[in-house]
Every structure is written in C-alpha cells, then in structure tokens.
Protein backbone atom coordinates (compact mmCIF):
# COMPACT_ATOMS: atom_id res chain seq x y z
CA UNK A 1 27.60 -8.72 -0.63
CA UNK A 2 24.01 -9.83 -0.05
CA UNK A 3 22.57 -12.25 -2.60
CA UNK A 4 19.34 -14.16 -3.01
CA UNK A 5 18.87 -15.88 -6.34
CA UNK A 6 19.22 -13.33 -9.16
CA UNK A 7 19.19 -10.33 -6.77
CA UNK A 8 22.41 -9.04 -5.26
CA UNK A 9 23.77 -5.88 -3.71
CA UNK A 10 26.95 -4.54 -2.17
CA UNK A 11 24.91 -1.84 -0.40
CA UNK A 12 25.63 -1.61 3.33
CA UNK A 13 22.35 -1.41 5.24
CA UNK A 14 24.02 -1.49 8.66
CA UNK A 15 26.81 1.11 8.74
CA UNK A 16 26.01 4.55 10.21
CA UNK A 17 25.33 7.51 7.92
CA UNK A 18 23.16 8.35 4.94
CA UNK A 19 23.55 6.84 1.48
CA UNK A 20 21.67 5.43 -1.47
CA UNK A 21 22.35 2.59 -3.89
CA UNK A 22 20.72 -0.34 -5.66
CA UNK A 23 19.66 -3.93 -5.60
CA UNK A 24 20.77 -5.43 -8.90
CA UNK A 25 18.40 -7.94 -10.47
CA UNK A 26 19.49 -10.02 -13.46
CA UNK A 27 16.83 -11.11 -15.91
CA UNK A 28 17.44 -12.67 -19.31
CA UNK A 29 15.27 -11.19 -22.03
CA UNK A 30 15.75 -9.63 -25.46
CA UNK A 31 16.20 -6.18 -23.90
CA UNK A 32 17.97 -7.14 -20.68
CA UNK A 33 20.29 -9.98 -21.64
CA UNK A 34 23.39 -7.92 -20.79
CA UNK A 35 21.92 -5.55 -18.19
CA UNK A 36 20.91 -5.34 -14.56
CA UNK A 37 17.58 -4.01 -13.35
CA UNK A 38 18.46 -1.54 -10.62
CA UNK A 39 16.02 -1.32 -7.71
CA UNK A 40 16.85 1.84 -5.71
CA UNK A 41 17.49 1.58 -1.97
CA UNK A 42 18.55 4.04 0.71
CA UNK A 43 19.36 4.21 4.38
CA UNK A 44 19.63 6.87 7.07
CA UNK A 45 21.29 5.41 10.16
CA UNK A 46 21.58 7.69 13.15
CA UNK A 47 22.73 5.07 15.64
CA UNK A 48 20.92 3.28 18.44
CA UNK A 49 17.16 3.00 18.04
CA UNK A 50 14.53 1.07 16.12
CA UNK A 51 14.70 0.24 12.43
CA UNK A 52 11.83 1.21 10.14
CA UNK A 53 11.64 -0.30 6.65
CA UNK A 54 9.62 1.91 4.27
CA UNK A 55 8.50 0.79 0.83
CA UNK A 56 6.60 2.42 -2.00
CA UNK A 57 6.08 1.52 -5.63
CA UNK A 58 4.85 -1.94 -4.61
CA UNK A 59 2.42 -1.20 -7.44
CA UNK A 60 3.99 1.02 -10.07
CA UNK A 61 1.06 3.39 -10.67
CA UNK A 62 0.81 4.57 -7.06
CA UNK A 63 2.70 7.77 -6.37
CA UNK A 64 2.07 9.49 -3.05
CA UNK A 65 4.19 7.01 -1.08
CA UNK A 66 7.05 7.25 -3.56
CA UNK A 67 7.15 11.02 -3.08
CA UNK A 68 6.96 10.71 0.72
CA UNK A 69 10.03 8.46 0.72
CA UNK A 70 11.95 10.76 -1.63
CA UNK A 71 11.18 13.77 0.55
CA UNK A 72 12.20 11.97 3.74
CA UNK A 73 15.51 10.94 2.16
CA UNK A 74 16.17 14.50 1.04
CA UNK A 75 15.24 16.25 4.28
CA UNK A 76 16.45 13.94 7.07
CA UNK A 77 20.06 13.49 8.11
CA UNK A 78 21.59 10.92 10.48
CA UNK A 79 21.80 13.54 13.21
CA UNK A 80 18.03 14.02 12.99
CA UNK A 81 17.12 10.46 13.98
CA UNK A 82 17.72 7.95 16.74
CA UNK A 83 17.62 4.68 14.85
CA UNK A 84 17.58 3.66 11.22
CA UNK A 85 15.28 4.07 8.22
CA UNK A 86 15.69 1.74 5.24
CA UNK A 87 14.01 2.95 2.05
CA UNK A 88 12.65 0.99 -0.91
CA UNK A 89 11.10 3.86 -2.93
CA UNK A 90 10.35 1.83 -6.09
CA UNK A 91 9.95 -1.73 -4.84
CA UNK A 92 8.68 -3.08 -8.17
CA UNK A 93 10.95 -0.87 -10.27
CA UNK A 94 9.93 -2.33 -13.65
CA UNK A 95 6.28 -1.56 -12.84
CA UNK A 96 7.16 1.96 -11.64
CA UNK A 97 9.03 2.69 -14.86
CA UNK A 98 6.06 1.38 -16.87
CA UNK A 99 3.57 3.40 -14.78
CA UNK A 100 1.70 0.11 -14.35
CA UNK A 101 0.24 -1.87 -11.47
CA UNK A 102 2.20 -5.01 -12.38
CA UNK A 103 5.63 -5.67 -13.87
CA UNK A 104 5.89 -5.58 -17.68
CA UNK A 105 8.64 -8.23 -17.43
CA UNK A 106 6.52 -11.06 -16.04
CA UNK A 107 3.07 -9.66 -15.23
CA UNK A 108 3.99 -10.00 -11.57
CA UNK A 109 1.95 -8.26 -8.89
CA UNK A 110 4.44 -7.56 -6.10
CA UNK A 111 1.73 -7.60 -3.45
CA UNK A 112 0.74 -11.12 -4.48
CA UNK A 113 4.33 -12.41 -4.70
CA UNK A 114 5.54 -12.70 -1.09
CA UNK A 115 7.37 -14.49 0.44
CA UNK A 116 8.81 -14.72 -3.05
CA UNK A 117 10.78 -17.28 -5.00
CA UNK A 118 14.17 -16.57 -6.58
CA UNK A 119 13.42 -18.89 -9.51
CA UNK A 120 9.91 -17.65 -10.38
CA UNK A 121 10.66 -14.46 -12.30
CA UNK A 122 11.75 -10.89 -11.51
CA UNK A 123 8.84 -9.87 -9.29
CA UNK A 124 8.99 -12.93 -7.05
CA UNK A 125 12.79 -12.63 -6.94
CA UNK A 126 12.66 -9.07 -5.58
CA UNK A 127 10.05 -10.14 -3.03
CA UNK A 128 12.24 -13.07 -1.99
CA UNK A 129 15.22 -10.79 -1.40
CA UNK A 130 13.15 -8.41 0.74
CA UNK A 131 11.67 -11.32 2.65
CA UNK A 132 15.07 -12.93 3.26
CA UNK A 133 17.23 -9.91 4.00
CA UNK A 134 15.21 -6.80 4.90
CA UNK A 135 12.05 -7.69 6.85
CA UNK A 136 14.19 -9.31 9.53
CA UNK A 137 16.23 -6.11 9.93
CA UNK A 138 13.10 -4.08 10.72
CA UNK A 139 11.17 -3.45 13.89
CA UNK A 140 8.38 -1.83 11.86
CA UNK A 141 7.48 -1.92 8.16
CA UNK A 142 5.46 0.87 6.49
CA UNK A 143 4.23 0.07 2.97
CA UNK A 144 2.62 2.87 0.94
CA UNK A 145 -0.17 2.34 -1.60
CA UNK A 146 -2.87 4.32 -3.39
CA UNK A 147 -5.80 3.38 -5.58
CA UNK A 148 -3.52 3.36 -8.62
CA UNK A 149 -4.90 3.94 -12.09
CA UNK A 150 -8.02 1.83 -11.58
CA UNK A 151 -9.54 3.20 -8.37
CA UNK A 152 -9.72 5.93 -5.76
CA UNK A 153 -9.62 5.06 -2.07
CA UNK A 154 -10.49 6.97 1.03
CA UNK A 155 -7.21 8.06 2.60
CA UNK A 156 -6.62 5.31 5.09
CA UNK A 157 -4.31 3.08 7.05
CA UNK A 158 -4.60 -0.63 6.34
CA UNK A 159 -4.56 -2.95 9.33
CA UNK A 160 -4.21 -6.71 8.79
CA UNK A 161 -5.33 -8.86 11.71
CA UNK A 162 -4.07 -12.41 12.24
CA UNK A 163 -3.86 -15.01 15.02
CA UNK A 164 -1.19 -13.26 17.14
CA UNK A 165 -3.02 -11.07 19.66
CA UNK A 166 0.14 -9.27 20.80
CA UNK A 167 1.18 -8.38 17.25
CA UNK A 168 -2.38 -7.31 16.41
CA UNK A 169 -2.41 -4.91 19.37
CA UNK A 170 0.98 -3.48 18.38
CA UNK A 171 -0.17 -2.90 14.81
CA UNK A 172 -3.43 -1.36 16.02
CA UNK A 173 -1.34 1.09 18.04
CA UNK A 174 0.47 2.06 14.80
CA UNK A 175 -2.88 2.63 13.09
CA UNK A 176 -4.00 4.99 15.85
CA UNK A 177 -0.71 6.92 15.68
CA UNK A 178 -0.78 7.05 11.87
CA UNK A 179 -4.14 8.77 12.32
CA UNK A 180 -5.45 8.59 8.75
CA UNK A 181 -9.09 9.65 8.32
CA UNK A 182 -10.00 5.96 8.06
CA UNK A 183 -8.36 2.63 8.82
CA UNK A 184 -9.40 -0.45 6.87
CA UNK A 185 -9.37 -3.70 8.83
CA UNK A 186 -8.81 -6.99 7.03
CA UNK A 187 -8.10 -10.53 8.30
CA UNK A 188 -5.08 -12.47 7.02
CA UNK A 189 -4.68 -16.24 6.85
CA UNK A 190 -1.05 -16.49 5.76
CA UNK A 191 -1.78 -17.37 2.13
CA UNK A 192 -2.34 -14.00 0.43
CA UNK A 193 1.09 -13.35 -1.03
CA UNK A 194 1.03 -9.79 0.30
CA UNK A 195 3.79 -7.87 2.05
CA UNK A 196 1.56 -7.51 5.13
CA UNK A 197 1.39 -11.28 5.62
CA UNK A 198 5.12 -11.76 4.98
CA UNK A 199 5.92 -9.30 7.78
CA UNK A 200 3.30 -10.83 10.05
CA UNK A 201 4.85 -14.28 9.62
CA UNK A 202 8.21 -12.85 10.74
CA UNK A 203 6.55 -11.24 13.79
CA UNK A 204 7.35 -7.76 12.46
CA UNK A 205 5.01 -4.84 13.09
CA UNK A 206 3.46 -3.67 9.83
CA UNK A 207 1.11 -0.97 8.60
CA UNK A 208 0.24 -0.19 5.03
CA UNK A 209 -1.90 2.65 3.74
CA UNK A 210 -3.94 3.78 0.76
CA UNK A 211 -3.51 7.43 -0.23
CA UNK A 212 -5.56 8.79 -3.11
CA UNK A 213 -5.57 7.11 -6.50
CA UNK A 214 -6.79 7.62 -10.08
CA UNK A 215 -3.24 7.25 -11.38
CA UNK A 216 -2.22 10.76 -10.36
CA UNK A 217 -0.42 12.47 -7.52
CA UNK A 218 -2.74 14.05 -4.94
CA UNK A 219 -1.23 16.87 -2.85
CA UNK A 220 -3.95 16.42 -0.22
CA UNK A 221 -3.39 12.66 0.10
CA UNK A 222 0.37 13.23 0.17
CA UNK A 223 0.01 15.67 3.08
CA UNK A 224 -2.08 13.18 5.05
CA UNK A 225 0.55 10.50 4.48
CA UNK A 226 3.46 12.84 5.23
CA UNK A 227 2.02 13.99 8.56
CA UNK A 228 1.04 10.43 9.48
CA UNK A 229 4.52 9.12 8.70
CA UNK A 230 6.23 11.71 10.86
CA UNK A 231 3.86 10.87 13.72
CA UNK A 232 4.83 7.19 13.49
CA UNK A 233 8.55 8.02 13.38
CA UNK A 234 8.07 10.29 16.40
CA UNK A 235 6.07 7.65 18.29
CA UNK A 236 8.84 5.11 17.70
CA UNK A 237 11.43 7.57 19.00
CA UNK A 238 13.30 8.19 15.74
CA UNK A 239 12.52 11.91 15.42
CA UNK A 240 11.38 14.73 17.69
CA UNK A 241 7.83 14.81 18.98
CA UNK A 242 5.10 15.48 16.44
CA UNK A 243 1.49 16.59 16.85
CA UNK A 244 -1.16 14.41 18.49
CA UNK A 245 -2.83 12.22 15.84
CA UNK A 246 -6.43 12.83 14.86
CA UNK A 247 -8.88 10.04 15.54
CA UNK A 248 -9.20 7.44 12.80
CA UNK A 249 -12.46 5.71 11.88
CA UNK A 250 -12.25 1.95 11.41
CA UNK A 251 -13.92 0.12 8.53
CA UNK A 252 -14.46 -3.58 7.93
CA UNK A 253 -13.52 -4.39 4.32
CA UNK A 254 -14.10 -8.14 4.57
CA UNK A 255 -17.30 -9.76 5.81
CA UNK A 256 -19.22 -6.53 6.41
CA UNK A 257 -18.52 -4.87 3.07
CA UNK A 258 -20.32 -5.15 -0.23
CA UNK A 259 -19.25 -4.47 -3.79
CA UNK A 260 -21.62 -2.80 -6.19
CA UNK A 261 -20.81 -4.60 -9.44
CA UNK A 262 -22.00 -4.10 -13.00
CA UNK A 263 -24.25 -6.83 -14.38
CA UNK A 264 -24.21 -5.45 -17.95
CA UNK A 265 -21.99 -3.60 -20.37
CA UNK A 266 -22.60 0.10 -20.07
CA UNK A 267 -21.61 3.59 -18.98
CA UNK A 268 -21.57 3.88 -15.20
CA UNK A 269 -22.65 7.07 -13.47
CA UNK A 270 -21.49 7.06 -9.85
CA UNK A 271 -23.55 9.11 -7.40
CA UNK A 272 -21.09 8.68 -4.52
CA UNK A 273 -17.44 9.44 -3.76
CA UNK A 274 -14.93 7.87 -1.37
CA UNK A 275 -15.73 8.83 2.21
CA UNK A 276 -19.47 9.39 1.63
CA UNK A 277 -21.78 8.12 4.35
CA UNK A 278 -24.77 6.26 2.90
CA UNK A 279 -27.96 4.71 4.23
CA UNK A 280 -29.81 1.59 3.14
CA UNK A 281 -31.51 2.25 -0.18
CA UNK A 282 -29.39 5.23 -1.23
CA UNK A 283 -28.69 5.39 -4.96
CA UNK A 284 -25.05 4.48 -5.59
CA UNK A 285 -24.80 4.21 -9.36
CA UNK A 286 -26.78 4.30 -12.59
CA UNK A 287 -25.78 2.21 -15.61
CA UNK A 288 -26.61 3.66 -19.03
CA UNK A 289 -26.81 1.56 -22.19
CA UNK A 290 -23.85 2.31 -24.48
CA UNK A 291 -25.57 1.28 -27.70
CA UNK A 292 -29.27 1.98 -27.18
CA UNK A 293 -29.13 5.71 -26.62
CA UNK A 294 -31.44 6.99 -23.89
CA UNK A 295 -31.95 3.62 -22.22
CA UNK A 296 -30.97 2.91 -18.64
CA UNK A 297 -29.73 -0.63 -17.97
CA UNK A 298 -29.71 -0.63 -14.16
CA UNK A 299 -29.77 1.37 -10.96
CA UNK A 300 -27.81 0.18 -7.93
CA UNK A 301 -28.78 0.98 -4.34
CA UNK A 302 -27.04 0.48 -1.00
CA UNK A 303 -27.89 -2.81 0.68
CA UNK A 304 -26.55 -1.58 4.01
CA UNK A 305 -25.47 1.56 5.80
CA UNK A 306 -21.81 2.46 5.81
CA UNK A 307 -19.05 4.44 4.14
CA UNK A 308 -17.94 4.37 0.52
CA UNK A 309 -14.35 3.17 0.77
CA UNK A 310 -13.34 2.61 -2.88
CA UNK A 311 -14.66 3.92 -6.20
CA UNK A 312 -13.90 2.88 -9.75
CA UNK A 313 -12.15 5.28 -12.13
CA UNK A 314 -13.20 4.08 -15.60
CA UNK A 315 -16.97 4.44 -16.17
CA UNK A 316 -17.10 2.14 -19.21
CA UNK A 317 -17.80 -1.25 -17.62
CA UNK A 318 -18.45 -4.90 -18.36
CA UNK A 319 -20.27 -7.52 -16.27
CA UNK A 320 -18.34 -8.17 -13.07
CA UNK A 321 -16.61 -4.79 -12.92
CA UNK A 322 -16.86 -3.31 -9.44
CA UNK A 323 -18.24 0.22 -9.27
CA UNK A 324 -17.65 0.91 -5.58
CA UNK A 325 -17.15 -0.76 -2.22
CA UNK A 326 -19.44 0.01 0.70
CA UNK A 327 -17.87 -0.78 4.08
CA UNK A 328 -19.34 -0.97 7.55
CA UNK A 329 -17.76 1.06 10.32
CA UNK A 330 -16.33 -0.71 13.37
CA UNK A 331 -16.32 0.98 16.78
CA UNK A 332 -12.71 1.46 17.87
CA UNK A 333 -13.27 -0.71 20.94
CA UNK A 334 -14.36 -3.64 18.73
CA UNK A 335 -11.50 -3.69 16.20
CA UNK A 336 -9.71 -6.60 17.93
C-alpha cells in the first residue's frame, strides 16, 4: 500500500504485466463524505528498460493527451515494450469529470500545485502523491496539454530550461525527437508550481506539449501527438524503431514574446491564427464596440516579427484579456 496524506493505493506499479487501477483520494464534503475520488492509473511493464511516466488531464478540459494515453493502453502489451510505462490519464480527475481547467472541489489548478501538500486540499494532495511516489520511479515524464476551453495553441512541445546544463541538453534531445511543428522554450526558477519544475527538481527528464485546444478534440493534433509519442518511446528503446522526426521550430515564449491584450470591453475580431508568421505592423486584431453599433474601439498591430503561438477562443473581451501571443523564433543552435 502506498499512501501520502489522503491519497492511497494498493496498485502495484512495479510488477511485470499490464493492469489498471486507481489512486483513492478521500475528501470530506457534502457529496463525498462517504466516498473516495478514484484517479485512474495504469501500467505496462515489459521488463528491463527505462520507465516513462505519462500524464494527461492535468487540466480537465484538454483532451488529445487523454485519448493518446487510452489508445496506448489499449494497443500495447508487455511483450511489445522493453521497459515500463506508467499512465495517469486523468491526473486531475475532478476537473476532467467537470470538463473544467481546475478542480470543482477546491478550485485547484494541478499545474500550479506541485510539489503538492497533503493537507492543502484535493488538488495539492494528488500532486503531492505524484511528487512523492511516481516522479522518482520515472526516467522520463511526458505531460500532455492543449489550449483547453479558453485558447488554441500551435501544436508544440514545451521545453523548460533551468540551471542544470546536462538535464537541459537531455530534455532538448526529447524535444527534437518529439518533433512537433514547434517547440516553446520557457525558463524555470523552481517556484512555478508546475509539473515540469517538480520533475526538474528531481533530476528527471521531462517534456510537456500543447496539442490543439478550443475545448474540443482535434484529430489532427491527436495524430501529431500520437506520432511524436511513439518516436519518443522508440528513441528510449521501449518500442521498435519509428520514423525519423520532422524538424521542430523553436519559439521563445518568455522575454521575446508579446501579448496583444484588450484595453476596452468589446467584440474582438482576430485576423491571425496559431502558426501564422507575421511582420512588424501587421494587423492582429480589431476590437468592435459592443454597445455603440458601428464603432471600432481599437486596432492592434504586431510590435515585432514572429509566429502567433496562442489565440483566444472567446471574442467577447474585457480590459486585460489576452487576444493572442506573438513569439519570436529561436535558431535551433541558440536554444541552450
């Protein structure tokens, strides 16, 4: 039995074979006073080889990764792999069931809750269990995201860069093998509460990704993620050789990116889509006045050249709402 605060499981992550089960989380509320919240888990253990921990449903309204994990569990058998895959297909299960970014139980954002705390509510308790018992079992962690209900992303890997040059290089290798059309590069400082940082602090290789968005399932984004996942598993030696990865384009989403943000209430008309290449001065969005029909409140233009990496879904906006993110490309030789 593995326990950490209110999370416990009798599931055997280490024995050979293929099986599924649950982490049981206790939470006292009007609806759950005599219940357990069951977080699904699975394992395929084919013997000697690396361990890959895969998670999806970190945010509950992001679907492509969840389907990738389900399909892997259904199609792979222990005889197909040299090593072990541990699956967390609905990491924040309450959020997945609610089709929401954050948990309806405590408002917890799983990707702001690591390394977790067993006494700080359901979301932090799940994160604490994963941090204590599962990251350390893994040689590599793959965490699947999408733009969720609020946004649409370019299909991309997500590479977090910290102070460990050796770990950075190993994670960059994963990004090249994953071979998404783009790879976003972001620095970490150890204080973000994200899964990426938690793995980094345990010296575990980690790559996340963003596949699609808009609160729906995208077959095209799924296929990109499916092919990329099999390439990583092949590269690590778990499955038979896959195709050579396509080249990925790297984007800086920190200091060399800029949000286009609404300064007024209005109806936003975007003139760009994720993946569009833009030049300085290109029209990105027009904001129409909701109440004074026929009046335009603002027009927003690119302040730099780059690629549109994220776009907003809902066009009805208030001051401070981001409309899109424009990111600068980084030559592959300059990523680290």
